[in-house]
């Protein structure tokens, strides 16, 4: 994990060098997977964003950018 300041924002990056996954395929195991959707909605409300990059057999990188300030 790394963090850095970018102007009025803070970037938090989590890198996993595991098996990765296909980000275009949704998991359909009968459960309601809403974690990422909820996180995106909450970040939108404060002017932040989240990106997920993943490649099978290479790993995953999740980047969260949030504005500096108190919430």
PDB file of N, CA and C in Angstrom:
ATOM      1  N   UNK A   1       0.849  -1.167   0.000  1.00  0.00           N
ATOM      2  CA  UNK A   1       0.000   0.000   0.000  1.00  0.00           C
ATOM      3  C   UNK A   1       0.897   1.232   0.000  1.00  0.00           C
ATOM      4  N   UNK A   2       0.435   2.253  -0.716  1.00  0.00           N
ATOM      5  CA  UNK A   2       1.165   3.516  -0.720  1.00  0.00           C
ATOM      6  C   UNK A   2       0.163   4.665  -0.696  1.00  0.00           C
ATOM      7  N   UNK A   3       0.612   5.774  -0.185  1.00  0.00           N
ATOM      8  CA  UNK A   3      -0.204   6.991  -0.192  1.00  0.00           C
ATOM      9  C   UNK A   3       0.662   8.141  -0.673  1.00  0.00           C
ATOM     10  N   UNK A   4       0.009   9.096  -1.338  1.00  0.00           N
ATOM     11  CA  UNK A   4       0.730  10.303  -1.721  1.00  0.00           C
ATOM     12  C   UNK A   4      -0.245  11.450  -1.884  1.00  0.00           C
ATOM     13  N   UNK A   5       0.279  12.624  -1.680  1.00  0.00           N
ATOM     14  CA  UNK A   5      -0.495  13.844  -1.826  1.00  0.00           C
ATOM     15  C   UNK A   5      -0.377  14.332  -3.259  1.00  0.00           C
ATOM     16  N   UNK A   6      -1.534  14.647  -3.851  1.00  0.00           N
ATOM     17  CA  UNK A   6      -1.565  15.176  -5.220  1.00  0.00           C
ATOM     18  C   UNK A   6      -2.444  16.425  -5.188  1.00  0.00           C
ATOM     19  N   UNK A   7      -1.830  17.575  -5.025  1.00  0.00           N
ATOM     20  CA  UNK A   7      -2.590  18.820  -4.941  1.00  0.00           C
ATOM     21  C   UNK A   7      -3.556  18.800  -3.775  1.00  0.00           C
ATOM     22  N   UNK A   8      -4.841  18.943  -4.069  1.00  0.00           N
ATOM     23  CA  UNK A   8      -5.881  18.951  -3.044  1.00  0.00           C
ATOM     24  C   UNK A   8      -6.433  17.566  -2.752  1.00  0.00           C
ATOM     25  N   UNK A   9      -5.749  16.523  -3.217  1.00  0.00           N
ATOM     26  CA  UNK A   9      -6.234  15.154  -3.062  1.00  0.00           C
ATOM     27  C   UNK A   9      -5.168  14.267  -2.412  1.00  0.00           C
ATOM     28  N   UNK A  10      -5.628  13.137  -1.874  1.00  0.00           N
ATOM     29  CA  UNK A  10      -4.749  12.091  -1.368  1.00  0.00           C
ATOM     30  C   UNK A  10      -5.043  10.830  -2.172  1.00  0.00           C
ATOM     31  N   UNK A  11      -3.990  10.187  -2.650  1.00  0.00           N
ATOM     32  CA  UNK A  11      -4.133   8.940  -3.401  1.00  0.00           C
ATOM     33  C   UNK A  11      -3.679   7.777  -2.528  1.00  0.00           C
ATOM     34  N   UNK A  12      -4.527   6.771  -2.420  1.00  0.00           N
ATOM     35  CA  UNK A  12      -4.211   5.557  -1.686  1.00  0.00           C
ATOM     36  C   UNK A  12      -4.214   4.421  -2.702  1.00  0.00           C
ATOM     37  N   UNK A  13      -3.114   3.701  -2.772  1.00  0.00           N
ATOM     38  CA  UNK A  13      -2.986   2.632  -3.769  1.00  0.00           C
ATOM     39  C   UNK A  13      -2.662   1.322  -3.052  1.00  0.00           C
ATOM     40  N   UNK A  14      -3.451   0.296  -3.356  1.00  0.00           N
ATOM     41  CA  UNK A  14      -3.238  -1.034  -2.804  1.00  0.00           C
ATOM     42  C   UNK A  14      -2.903  -1.964  -3.966  1.00  0.00           C
ATOM     43  N   UNK A  15      -1.766  -2.632  -3.868  1.00  0.00           N
ATOM     44  CA  UNK A  15      -1.290  -3.517  -4.926  1.00  0.00           C
ATOM     45  C   UNK A  15      -1.264  -4.950  -4.397  1.00  0.00           C
ATOM     46  N   UNK A  16      -1.873  -5.850  -5.148  1.00  0.00           N
ATOM     47  CA  UNK A  16      -1.896  -7.278  -4.814  1.00  0.00           C
ATOM     48  C   UNK A  16      -1.317  -8.032  -5.998  1.00  0.00           C
ATOM     49  N   UNK A  17      -0.226  -8.729  -5.791  1.00  0.00           N
ATOM     50  CA  UNK A  17       0.409  -9.451  -6.893  1.00  0.00           C
ATOM     51  C   UNK A  17      -0.093 -10.887  -6.994  1.00  0.00           C
ATOM     52  N   UNK A  18      -1.323 -11.113  -6.577  1.00  0.00           N
ATOM     53  CA  UNK A  18      -1.932 -12.448  -6.608  1.00  0.00           C
ATOM     54  C   UNK A  18      -2.397 -12.854  -7.989  1.00  0.00           C
ATOM     55  N   UNK A  19      -3.444 -13.657  -8.030  1.00  0.00           N
ATOM     56  CA  UNK A  19      -3.893 -14.255  -9.287  1.00  0.00           C
ATOM     57  C   UNK A  19      -4.658 -13.293 -10.187  1.00  0.00           C
ATOM     58  N   UNK A  20      -5.139 -12.157  -9.654  1.00  0.00           N
ATOM     59  CA  UNK A  20      -5.915 -11.228 -10.462  1.00  0.00           C
ATOM     60  C   UNK A  20      -7.267 -11.798 -10.835  1.00  0.00           C
ATOM     61  N   UNK A  21      -8.033 -11.027 -11.597  1.00  0.00           N
ATOM     62  CA  UNK A  21      -9.355 -11.471 -12.041  1.00  0.00           C
ATOM     63  C   UNK A  21      -9.780 -10.670 -13.255  1.00  0.00           C
ATOM     64  N   UNK A  22     -10.785 -11.143 -13.938  1.00  0.00           N
ATOM     65  CA  UNK A  22     -11.329 -10.462 -15.114  1.00  0.00           C
ATOM     66  C   UNK A  22     -12.339  -9.431 -14.633  1.00  0.00           C
ATOM     67  N   UNK A  23     -12.024  -8.144 -14.748  1.00  0.00           N
ATOM     68  CA  UNK A  23     -12.906  -7.106 -14.217  1.00  0.00           C
ATOM     69  C   UNK A  23     -14.186  -6.938 -15.029  1.00  0.00           C
ATOM     70  N   UNK A  24     -14.254  -7.559 -16.196  1.00  0.00           N
ATOM     71  CA  UNK A  24     -15.475  -7.452 -17.002  1.00  0.00           C
ATOM     72  C   UNK A  24     -16.497  -8.525 -16.654  1.00  0.00           C
ATOM     73  N   UNK A  25     -16.103  -9.483 -15.811  1.00  0.00           N
ATOM     74  CA  UNK A  25     -16.994 -10.572 -15.434  1.00  0.00           C
ATOM     75  C   UNK A  25     -17.452 -10.387 -13.994  1.00  0.00           C
ATOM     76  N   UNK A  26     -18.766 -10.314 -13.800  1.00  0.00           N
ATOM     77  CA  UNK A  26     -19.307 -10.186 -12.459  1.00  0.00           C
ATOM     78  C   UNK A  26     -19.457 -11.556 -11.828  1.00  0.00           C
ATOM     79  N   UNK A  27     -19.190 -11.600 -10.545  1.00  0.00           N
ATOM     80  CA  UNK A  27     -19.317 -12.842  -9.801  1.00  0.00           C
ATOM     81  C   UNK A  27     -20.800 -13.156  -9.616  1.00  0.00           C
ATOM     82  N   UNK A  28     -21.227 -14.303 -10.077  1.00  0.00           N
ATOM     83  CA  UNK A  28     -22.631 -14.682  -9.930  1.00  0.00           C
ATOM     84  C   UNK A  28     -22.714 -15.982  -9.141  1.00  0.00           C
ATOM     85  N   UNK A  29     -22.659 -15.826  -7.829  1.00  0.00           N
ATOM     86  CA  UNK A  29     -22.708 -16.989  -6.957  1.00  0.00           C
ATOM     87  C   UNK A  29     -23.972 -17.003  -6.102  1.00  0.00           C
ATOM     88  N   UNK A  30     -24.950 -16.168  -6.479  1.00  0.00           N
ATOM     89  CA  UNK A  30     -26.204 -16.122  -5.737  1.00  0.00           C
ATOM     90  C   UNK A  30     -26.195 -15.125  -4.596  1.00  0.00           C
ATOM     91  N   UNK A  31     -25.042 -14.542  -4.290  1.00  0.00           N
ATOM     92  CA  UNK A  31     -24.958 -13.542  -3.228  1.00  0.00           C
ATOM     93  C   UNK A  31     -25.047 -12.140  -3.811  1.00  0.00           C
ATOM     94  N   UNK A  32     -25.426 -11.192  -2.975  1.00  0.00           N
ATOM     95  CA  UNK A  32     -25.555  -9.804  -3.395  1.00  0.00           C
ATOM     96  C   UNK A  32     -24.245  -9.079  -3.100  1.00  0.00           C
ATOM     97  N   UNK A  33     -23.428  -8.833  -4.117  1.00  0.00           N
ATOM     98  CA  UNK A  33     -22.129  -8.190  -3.958  1.00  0.00           C
ATOM     99  C   UNK A  33     -22.273  -6.697  -4.249  1.00  0.00           C
ATOM    100  N   UNK A  34     -22.355  -5.895  -3.191  1.00  0.00           N
ATOM    101  CA  UNK A  34     -22.598  -4.460  -3.365  1.00  0.00           C
ATOM    102  C   UNK A  34     -21.478  -3.596  -2.801  1.00  0.00           C
ATOM    103  N   UNK A  35     -20.423  -4.209  -2.274  1.00  0.00           N
ATOM    104  CA  UNK A  35     -19.349  -3.457  -1.622  1.00  0.00           C
ATOM    105  C   UNK A  35     -18.711  -2.409  -2.505  1.00  0.00           C
ATOM    106  N   UNK A  36     -18.309  -2.781  -3.712  1.00  0.00           N
ATOM    107  CA  UNK A  36     -17.643  -1.830  -4.600  1.00  0.00           C
ATOM    108  C   UNK A  36     -18.611  -0.749  -5.067  1.00  0.00           C
ATOM    109  N   UNK A  37     -19.845  -1.131  -5.356  1.00  0.00           N
ATOM    110  CA  UNK A  37     -20.856  -0.149  -5.768  1.00  0.00           C
ATOM    111  C   UNK A  37     -21.092   0.865  -4.656  1.00  0.00           C
ATOM    112  N   UNK A  38     -21.251   0.393  -3.427  1.00  0.00           N
ATOM    113  CA  UNK A  38     -21.457   1.305  -2.294  1.00  0.00           C
ATOM    114  C   UNK A  38     -20.265   2.225  -2.092  1.00  0.00           C
ATOM    115  N   UNK A  39     -19.060   1.667  -2.221  1.00  0.00           N
ATOM    116  CA  UNK A  39     -17.853   2.471  -2.056  1.00  0.00           C
ATOM    117  C   UNK A  39     -17.783   3.565  -3.115  1.00  0.00           C
ATOM    118  N   UNK A  40     -18.074   3.226  -4.367  1.00  0.00           N
ATOM    119  CA  UNK A  40     -18.078   4.225  -5.446  1.00  0.00           C
ATOM    120  C   UNK A  40     -19.086   5.335  -5.161  1.00  0.00           C
ATOM    121  N   UNK A  41     -20.279   4.976  -4.710  1.00  0.00           N
ATOM    122  CA  UNK A  41     -21.311   5.975  -4.422  1.00  0.00           C
ATOM    123  C   UNK A  41     -20.879   6.908  -3.293  1.00  0.00           C
ATOM    124  N   UNK A  42     -20.289   6.359  -2.262  1.00  0.00           N
ATOM    125  CA  UNK A  42     -19.839   7.193  -1.131  1.00  0.00           C
ATOM    126  C   UNK A  42     -18.698   8.115  -1.532  1.00  0.00           C
ATOM    127  N   UNK A  43     -17.773   7.615  -2.330  1.00  0.00           N
ATOM    128  CA  UNK A  43     -16.682   8.464  -2.794  1.00  0.00           C
ATOM    129  C   UNK A  43     -17.190   9.562  -3.723  1.00  0.00           C
ATOM    130  N   UNK A  44     -18.166   9.248  -4.557  1.00  0.00           N
ATOM    131  CA  UNK A  44     -18.765  10.263  -5.439  1.00  0.00           C
ATOM    132  C   UNK A  44     -19.313  11.428  -4.635  1.00  0.00           C
ATOM    133  N   UNK A  45     -19.924  11.142  -3.498  1.00  0.00           N
ATOM    134  CA  UNK A  45     -20.538  12.187  -2.664  1.00  0.00           C
ATOM    135  C   UNK A  45     -19.530  13.194  -2.134  1.00  0.00           C
ATOM    136  N   UNK A  46     -18.275  12.770  -1.967  1.00  0.00           N
ATOM    137  CA  UNK A  46     -17.273  13.690  -1.432  1.00  0.00           C
ATOM    138  C   UNK A  46     -16.273  14.140  -2.497  1.00  0.00           C
ATOM    139  N   UNK A  47     -16.524  13.775  -3.744  1.00  0.00           N
ATOM    140  CA  UNK A  47     -15.635  14.181  -4.831  1.00  0.00           C
ATOM    141  C   UNK A  47     -14.438  13.273  -5.018  1.00  0.00           C
ATOM    142  N   UNK A  48     -14.539  12.037  -4.533  1.00  0.00           N
ATOM    143  CA  UNK A  48     -13.449  11.070  -4.687  1.00  0.00           C
ATOM    144  C   UNK A  48     -13.758  10.067  -5.779  1.00  0.00           C
ATOM    145  N   UNK A  49     -12.846   9.142  -5.954  1.00  0.00           N
ATOM    146  CA  UNK A  49     -13.067   8.094  -6.960  1.00  0.00           C
ATOM    147  C   UNK A  49     -12.250   6.861  -6.604  1.00  0.00           C
ATOM    148  N   UNK A  50     -12.646   5.745  -7.189  1.00  0.00           N
ATOM    149  CA  UNK A  50     -11.930   4.487  -7.026  1.00  0.00           C
ATOM    150  C   UNK A  50     -11.774   3.843  -8.396  1.00  0.00           C
ATOM    151  N   UNK A  51     -10.597   3.297  -8.639  1.00  0.00           N
ATOM    152  CA  UNK A  51     -10.377   2.545  -9.870  1.00  0.00           C
ATOM    153  C   UNK A  51      -9.800   1.180  -9.506  1.00  0.00           C
ATOM    154  N   UNK A  52     -10.196   0.176 -10.275  1.00  0.00           N
ATOM    155  CA  UNK A  52      -9.711  -1.176 -10.069  1.00  0.00           C
ATOM    156  C   UNK A  52      -9.125  -1.656 -11.389  1.00  0.00           C
ATOM    157  N   UNK A  53      -7.855  -2.046 -11.339  1.00  0.00           N
ATOM    158  CA  UNK A  53      -7.188  -2.608 -12.504  1.00  0.00           C
ATOM    159  C   UNK A  53      -6.735  -4.010 -12.122  1.00  0.00           C
ATOM    160  N   UNK A  54      -7.037  -4.988 -12.951  1.00  0.00           N
ATOM    161  CA  UNK A  54      -6.641  -6.347 -12.641  1.00  0.00           C
ATOM    162  C   UNK A  54      -6.371  -7.113 -13.922  1.00  0.00           C
ATOM    163  N   UNK A  55      -5.426  -8.009 -13.828  1.00  0.00           N
ATOM    164  CA  UNK A  55      -5.101  -8.862 -14.957  1.00  0.00           C
ATOM    165  C   UNK A  55      -4.852 -10.269 -14.420  1.00  0.00           C
ATOM    166  N   UNK A  56      -5.487 -11.230 -15.036  1.00  0.00           N
ATOM    167  CA  UNK A  56      -5.354 -12.611 -14.595  1.00  0.00           C
ATOM    168  C   UNK A  56      -3.881 -13.027 -14.621  1.00  0.00           C
ATOM    169  N   UNK A  57      -3.447 -13.674 -13.565  1.00  0.00           N
ATOM    170  CA  UNK A  57      -2.075 -14.148 -13.356  1.00  0.00           C
ATOM    171  C   UNK A  57      -1.047 -13.030 -13.163  1.00  0.00           C
ATOM    172  N   UNK A  58      -1.506 -11.790 -13.022  1.00  0.00           N
ATOM    173  CA  UNK A  58      -0.571 -10.677 -12.801  1.00  0.00           C
ATOM    174  C   UNK A  58      -0.883  -9.908 -11.524  1.00  0.00           C
ATOM    175  N   UNK A  59      -2.156  -9.841 -11.123  1.00  0.00           N
ATOM    176  CA  UNK A  59      -2.494  -9.142  -9.894  1.00  0.00           C
ATOM    177  C   UNK A  59      -3.515  -8.042 -10.082  1.00  0.00           C
ATOM    178  N   UNK A  60      -3.716  -7.287  -9.002  1.00  0.00           N
ATOM    179  CA  UNK A  60      -4.756  -6.257  -8.956  1.00  0.00           C
ATOM    180  C   UNK A  60      -4.206  -4.999  -8.296  1.00  0.00           C
ATOM    181  N   UNK A  61      -4.613  -3.846  -8.820  1.00  0.00           N
ATOM    182  CA  UNK A  61      -4.273  -2.561  -8.222  1.00  0.00           C
ATOM    183  C   UNK A  61      -5.573  -1.794  -8.011  1.00  0.00           C
ATOM    184  N   UNK A  62      -5.817  -1.386  -6.774  1.00  0.00           N
ATOM    185  CA  UNK A  62      -6.983  -0.563  -6.443  1.00  0.00           C
ATOM    186  C   UNK A  62      -6.459   0.798  -6.017  1.00  0.00           C
ATOM    187  N   UNK A  63      -6.969   1.856  -6.654  1.00  0.00           N
ATOM    188  CA  UNK A  63      -6.549   3.211  -6.343  1.00  0.00           C
ATOM    189  C   UNK A  63      -7.764   4.013  -5.887  1.00  0.00           C
ATOM    190  N   UNK A  64      -7.627   4.633  -4.723  1.00  0.00           N
ATOM    191  CA  UNK A  64      -8.682   5.499  -4.187  1.00  0.00           C
ATOM    192  C   UNK A  64      -8.113   6.903  -4.103  1.00  0.00           C
ATOM    193  N   UNK A  65      -8.842   7.875  -4.646  1.00  0.00           N
ATOM    194  CA  UNK A  65      -8.424   9.275  -4.586  1.00  0.00           C
ATOM    195  C   UNK A  65      -9.519  10.035  -3.846  1.00  0.00           C
ATOM    196  N   UNK A  66      -9.129  10.719  -2.780  1.00  0.00           N
ATOM    197  CA  UNK A  66     -10.099  11.499  -1.989  1.00  0.00           C
ATOM    198  C   UNK A  66      -9.591  12.919  -1.812  1.00  0.00           C
ATOM    199  N   UNK A  67     -10.516  13.875  -1.779  1.00  0.00           N
ATOM    200  CA  UNK A  67     -10.083  15.246  -1.529  1.00  0.00           C
ATOM    201  C   UNK A  67      -9.621  15.403  -0.081  1.00  0.00           C
ATOM    202  N   UNK A  68      -8.654  16.272   0.127  1.00  0.00           N
ATOM    203  CA  UNK A  68      -8.192  16.573   1.473  1.00  0.00           C
ATOM    204  C   UNK A  68      -9.286  17.367   2.190  1.00  0.00           C
ATOM    205  N   UNK A  69      -9.437  17.146   3.465  1.00  0.00           N
ATOM    206  CA  UNK A  69     -10.430  17.881   4.239  1.00  0.00           C
ATOM    207  C   UNK A  69     -11.024  16.996   5.306  1.00  0.00           C
ATOM    208  N   UNK A  70     -11.963  17.562   6.026  1.00  0.00           N
ATOM    209  CA  UNK A  70     -12.648  16.819   7.090  1.00  0.00           C
ATOM    210  C   UNK A  70     -14.029  16.432   6.628  1.00  0.00           C
ATOM    211  N   UNK A  71     -14.462  15.222   7.014  1.00  0.00           N
ATOM    212  CA  UNK A  71     -15.790  14.740   6.615  1.00  0.00           C
ATOM    213  C   UNK A  71     -16.544  14.239   7.805  1.00  0.00           C
TER     214      UNK A  71
END
